[in-house]
C-alpha cells in the first residue's frame, strides 16, 4: 500500500483558498467559496453513508469525469452546484461529495485521518484551522 504522505505530496493549499494540482484535477481553477455552504476545515457528515469527515477543498461545480459520475454518483446529484473533497474519519481515503449529500457535523469531535496534520494545525470551535502555509 502506498504511503498516505506520498498520496498528498502534490497537494498545494494556500491561505487564500485551495489551489491544487492533484491527479485528475490538474489545471483546475481555484474558486471562491462564497456560494459554498461548507468551508475548508469544516466538520461534515455524509447524509446517505453516515460517515464523518473534514472538508479540505471545494469545487464550485463538479470537476471529475463523466465516467466517474456515472459509476460512483449513483444518486445523480447536480453537477452545477458545489462539490467537496473530504478526509474521511478513521480511514485512509478521501471522498468527493456533492453539497446536497453533506450536512454539518455538530459533534465537535476530532477527525482521525493520516493526512490531517499535513493540511490543518488545530481544531478550534468545530473548525480545523491552519496557521501555516502547506507546500
C-alpha atoms as a PDB file:
ATOM      1  CA  UNK A   1       0.000   0.000   0.000  1.00  0.00           C
ATOM      2  CA  UNK A   2       1.269   3.463  -0.888  1.00  0.00           C
ATOM      3  CA  UNK A   3       2.277   5.763   1.938  1.00  0.00           C
ATOM      4  CA  UNK A   4      -0.519   8.285   2.576  1.00  0.00           C
ATOM      5  CA  UNK A   5       2.009  11.145   2.661  1.00  0.00           C
ATOM      6  CA  UNK A   6       3.075  10.430  -0.919  1.00  0.00           C
ATOM      7  CA  UNK A   7      -0.578  10.443  -1.970  1.00  0.00           C
ATOM      8  CA  UNK A   8      -0.844  14.065  -0.841  1.00  0.00           C
ATOM      9  CA  UNK A   9       2.621  15.241  -1.888  1.00  0.00           C
ATOM     10  CA  UNK A  10       1.161  17.065  -4.897  1.00  0.00           C
ATOM     11  CA  UNK A  11      -1.423  18.884  -2.771  1.00  0.00           C
ATOM     12  CA  UNK A  12      -0.876  22.641  -2.631  1.00  0.00           C
ATOM     13  CA  UNK A  13      -3.066  24.701  -0.318  1.00  0.00           C
ATOM     14  CA  UNK A  14      -2.748  28.443   0.181  1.00  0.00           C
ATOM     15  CA  UNK A  15      -4.155  30.747   2.842  1.00  0.00           C
ATOM     16  CA  UNK A  16      -6.421  32.467   0.305  1.00  0.00           C
ATOM     17  CA  UNK A  17      -8.216  29.249  -0.651  1.00  0.00           C
ATOM     18  CA  UNK A  18      -7.370  25.973  -2.237  1.00  0.00           C
ATOM     19  CA  UNK A  19      -5.337  25.756  -5.419  1.00  0.00           C
ATOM     20  CA  UNK A  20      -4.457  22.199  -6.208  1.00  0.00           C
ATOM     21  CA  UNK A  21      -2.540  20.081  -8.597  1.00  0.00           C
ATOM     22  CA  UNK A  22      -3.831  16.672  -7.610  1.00  0.00           C
ATOM     23  CA  UNK A  23      -4.122  13.785 -10.069  1.00  0.00           C
ATOM     24  CA  UNK A  24      -7.152  14.199 -12.328  1.00  0.00           C
ATOM     25  CA  UNK A  25      -7.818  17.786 -11.164  1.00  0.00           C
ATOM     26  CA  UNK A  26      -4.631  19.207 -12.721  1.00  0.00           C
ATOM     27  CA  UNK A  27      -5.122  22.713 -14.023  1.00  0.00           C
ATOM     28  CA  UNK A  28      -8.434  23.257 -12.234  1.00  0.00           C
ATOM     29  CA  UNK A  29      -9.281  26.853 -11.440  1.00  0.00           C
ATOM     30  CA  UNK A  30      -9.449  27.873  -7.783  1.00  0.00           C
ATOM     31  CA  UNK A  31     -12.847  29.055  -6.611  1.00  0.00           C
ATOM     32  CA  UNK A  32     -14.221  31.498  -4.154  1.00  0.00           C
ATOM     33  CA  UNK A  33     -16.171  29.576  -1.530  1.00  0.00           C
ATOM     34  CA  UNK A  34     -18.711  32.417  -1.201  1.00  0.00           C
ATOM     35  CA  UNK A  35     -21.595  30.319  -2.538  1.00  0.00           C
ATOM     36  CA  UNK A  36     -20.456  27.058  -0.983  1.00  0.00           C
ATOM     37  CA  UNK A  37     -22.404  26.007   2.107  1.00  0.00           C
ATOM     38  CA  UNK A  38     -19.367  24.409   3.780  1.00  0.00           C
ATOM     39  CA  UNK A  39     -15.897  25.854   4.224  1.00  0.00           C
ATOM     40  CA  UNK A  40     -12.452  24.314   4.193  1.00  0.00           C
ATOM     41  CA  UNK A  41     -11.803  22.849   7.640  1.00  0.00           C
ATOM     42  CA  UNK A  42     -15.468  22.323   8.489  1.00  0.00           C
ATOM     43  CA  UNK A  43     -16.642  19.059  10.036  1.00  0.00           C
ATOM     44  CA  UNK A  44     -19.312  17.335   7.934  1.00  0.00           C
ATOM     45  CA  UNK A  45     -21.368  14.157   7.904  1.00  0.00           C
ATOM     46  CA  UNK A  46     -22.493  12.309   4.782  1.00  0.00           C
ATOM     47  CA  UNK A  47     -26.314  12.140   4.744  1.00  0.00           C
ATOM     48  CA  UNK A  48     -26.527   8.806   2.912  1.00  0.00           C
ATOM     49  CA  UNK A  49     -23.474   6.854   4.112  1.00  0.00           C
ATOM     50  CA  UNK A  50     -23.307   8.403   7.608  1.00  0.00           C
ATOM     51  CA  UNK A  51     -19.557   8.911   7.839  1.00  0.00           C
ATOM     52  CA  UNK A  52     -17.877  11.945   9.370  1.00  0.00           C
ATOM     53  CA  UNK A  53     -15.098  13.954   7.782  1.00  0.00           C
ATOM     54  CA  UNK A  54     -13.486  17.332   7.251  1.00  0.00           C
ATOM     55  CA  UNK A  55     -13.630  19.422   4.072  1.00  0.00           C
ATOM     56  CA  UNK A  56     -10.159  20.036   2.619  1.00  0.00           C
ATOM     57  CA  UNK A  57     -11.111  21.532  -0.752  1.00  0.00           C
ATOM     58  CA  UNK A  58     -14.175  22.902  -2.538  1.00  0.00           C
ATOM     59  CA  UNK A  59     -15.064  22.911  -6.232  1.00  0.00           C
ATOM     60  CA  UNK A  60     -17.672  25.423  -7.452  1.00  0.00           C
ATOM     61  CA  UNK A  61     -19.066  22.703  -9.735  1.00  0.00           C
ATOM     62  CA  UNK A  62     -18.388  19.031 -10.416  1.00  0.00           C
ATOM     63  CA  UNK A  63     -14.794  18.639 -11.673  1.00  0.00           C
ATOM     64  CA  UNK A  64     -14.301  14.914 -12.218  1.00  0.00           C
ATOM     65  CA  UNK A  65     -15.040  12.812 -15.310  1.00  0.00           C
ATOM     66  CA  UNK A  66     -18.411  11.783 -16.692  1.00  0.00           C
ATOM     67  CA  UNK A  67     -17.270   8.160 -16.306  1.00  0.00           C
ATOM     68  CA  UNK A  68     -16.651   8.699 -12.557  1.00  0.00           C
ATOM     69  CA  UNK A  69     -20.042  10.414 -12.191  1.00  0.00           C
ATOM     70  CA  UNK A  70     -21.896   7.580 -13.927  1.00  0.00           C
ATOM     71  CA  UNK A  71     -20.103   4.906 -11.891  1.00  0.00           C
ATOM     72  CA  UNK A  72     -19.899   6.466  -8.426  1.00  0.00           C
ATOM     73  CA  UNK A  73     -22.512   9.226  -8.074  1.00  0.00           C
ATOM     74  CA  UNK A  74     -25.487   6.886  -8.173  1.00  0.00           C
ATOM     75  CA  UNK A  75     -27.909   9.388  -6.591  1.00  0.00           C
ATOM     76  CA  UNK A  76     -27.129  11.717  -9.553  1.00  0.00           C
ATOM     77  CA  UNK A  77     -26.538  14.919  -7.584  1.00  0.00           C
ATOM     78  CA  UNK A  78     -26.388  18.136  -9.605  1.00  0.00           C
ATOM     79  CA  UNK A  79     -23.101  18.889 -11.329  1.00  0.00           C
ATOM     80  CA  UNK A  80     -23.675  22.656 -11.315  1.00  0.00           C
ATOM     81  CA  UNK A  81     -23.537  23.017  -7.515  1.00  0.00           C
ATOM     82  CA  UNK A  82     -20.519  22.817  -5.167  1.00  0.00           C
ATOM     83  CA  UNK A  83     -18.661  19.514  -4.626  1.00  0.00           C
ATOM     84  CA  UNK A  84     -16.347  18.851  -1.694  1.00  0.00           C
ATOM     85  CA  UNK A  85     -13.146  16.902  -1.124  1.00  0.00           C
ATOM     86  CA  UNK A  86     -13.438  15.255   2.294  1.00  0.00           C
ATOM     87  CA  UNK A  87     -10.930  13.473   4.534  1.00  0.00           C
ATOM     88  CA  UNK A  88     -12.919  10.530   5.912  1.00  0.00           C
ATOM     89  CA  UNK A  89     -12.767   9.910   9.685  1.00  0.00           C
ATOM     90  CA  UNK A  90     -10.869   6.741  10.691  1.00  0.00           C
ATOM     91  CA  UNK A  91      -9.990   5.942   7.066  1.00  0.00           C
ATOM     92  CA  UNK A  92      -7.058   6.462   4.711  1.00  0.00           C
ATOM     93  CA  UNK A  93      -9.074   7.555   1.685  1.00  0.00           C
ATOM     94  CA  UNK A  94     -10.824  10.768   0.705  1.00  0.00           C
ATOM     95  CA  UNK A  95     -14.197  11.238  -0.931  1.00  0.00           C
ATOM     96  CA  UNK A  96     -15.637  13.647  -3.471  1.00  0.00           C
ATOM     97  CA  UNK A  97     -19.154  14.603  -2.384  1.00  0.00           C
ATOM     98  CA  UNK A  98     -21.942  16.779  -3.756  1.00  0.00           C
ATOM     99  CA  UNK A  99     -23.153  19.521  -1.435  1.00  0.00           C
ATOM    100  CA  UNK A 100     -26.657  18.067  -1.194  1.00  0.00           C
ATOM    101  CA  UNK A 101     -25.240  14.873   0.362  1.00  0.00           C
ATOM    102  CA  UNK A 102     -23.500  16.648   3.236  1.00  0.00           C
ATOM    103  CA  UNK A 103     -24.675  18.166   6.491  1.00  0.00           C
ATOM    104  CA  UNK A 104     -22.859  19.892   9.340  1.00  0.00           C
ATOM    105  CA  UNK A 105     -21.323  17.586  11.936  1.00  0.00           C
ATOM    106  CA  UNK A 106     -22.089  19.343  15.203  1.00  0.00           C
ATOM    107  CA  UNK A 107     -20.300  16.857  17.477  1.00  0.00           C
ATOM    108  CA  UNK A 108     -17.130  18.958  17.571  1.00  0.00           C
ATOM    109  CA  UNK A 109     -15.146  15.733  17.890  1.00  0.00           C
ATOM    110  CA  UNK A 110     -11.802  15.454  16.074  1.00  0.00           C
ATOM    111  CA  UNK A 111     -11.326  13.595  12.812  1.00  0.00           C
ATOM    112  CA  UNK A 112      -8.628  10.926  12.588  1.00  0.00           C
ATOM    113  CA  UNK A 113      -7.036  10.706   9.152  1.00  0.00           C
ATOM    114  CA  UNK A 114      -3.372  10.192   8.184  1.00  0.00           C
ATOM    115  CA  UNK A 115      -3.279  13.364   6.048  1.00  0.00           C
ATOM    116  CA  UNK A 116      -4.935  15.664   8.591  1.00  0.00           C
ATOM    117  CA  UNK A 117      -1.693  17.088  10.041  1.00  0.00           C
ATOM    118  CA  UNK A 118      -0.444  17.930   6.540  1.00  0.00           C
ATOM    119  CA  UNK A 119      -3.453  20.172   5.948  1.00  0.00           C
ATOM    120  CA  UNK A 120      -4.529  21.557   9.310  1.00  0.00           C
ATOM    121  CA  UNK A 121      -2.927  22.639  12.576  1.00  0.00           C
ATOM    122  CA  UNK A 122      -5.742  22.598  15.122  1.00  0.00           C
ATOM    123  CA  UNK A 123      -9.438  22.022  15.737  1.00  0.00           C
ATOM    124  CA  UNK A 124     -10.928  25.174  17.216  1.00  0.00           C
ATOM    125  CA  UNK A 125     -14.635  25.780  17.794  1.00  0.00           C
ATOM    126  CA  UNK A 126     -15.590  22.920  15.461  1.00  0.00           C
ATOM    127  CA  UNK A 127     -13.420  24.088  12.537  1.00  0.00           C
ATOM    128  CA  UNK A 128      -9.987  22.798  11.586  1.00  0.00           C
ATOM    129  CA  UNK A 129      -7.627  25.729  11.124  1.00  0.00           C
ATOM    130  CA  UNK A 130      -4.240  26.163   9.534  1.00  0.00           C
ATOM    131  CA  UNK A 131      -1.880  28.830  10.740  1.00  0.00           C
ATOM    132  CA  UNK A 132       0.876  27.975   8.305  1.00  0.00           C
ATOM    133  CA  UNK A 133       1.158  27.525   4.598  1.00  0.00           C
ATOM    134  CA  UNK A 134       1.240  23.915   3.368  1.00  0.00           C
ATOM    135  CA  UNK A 135       3.564  23.219   0.417  1.00  0.00           C
END
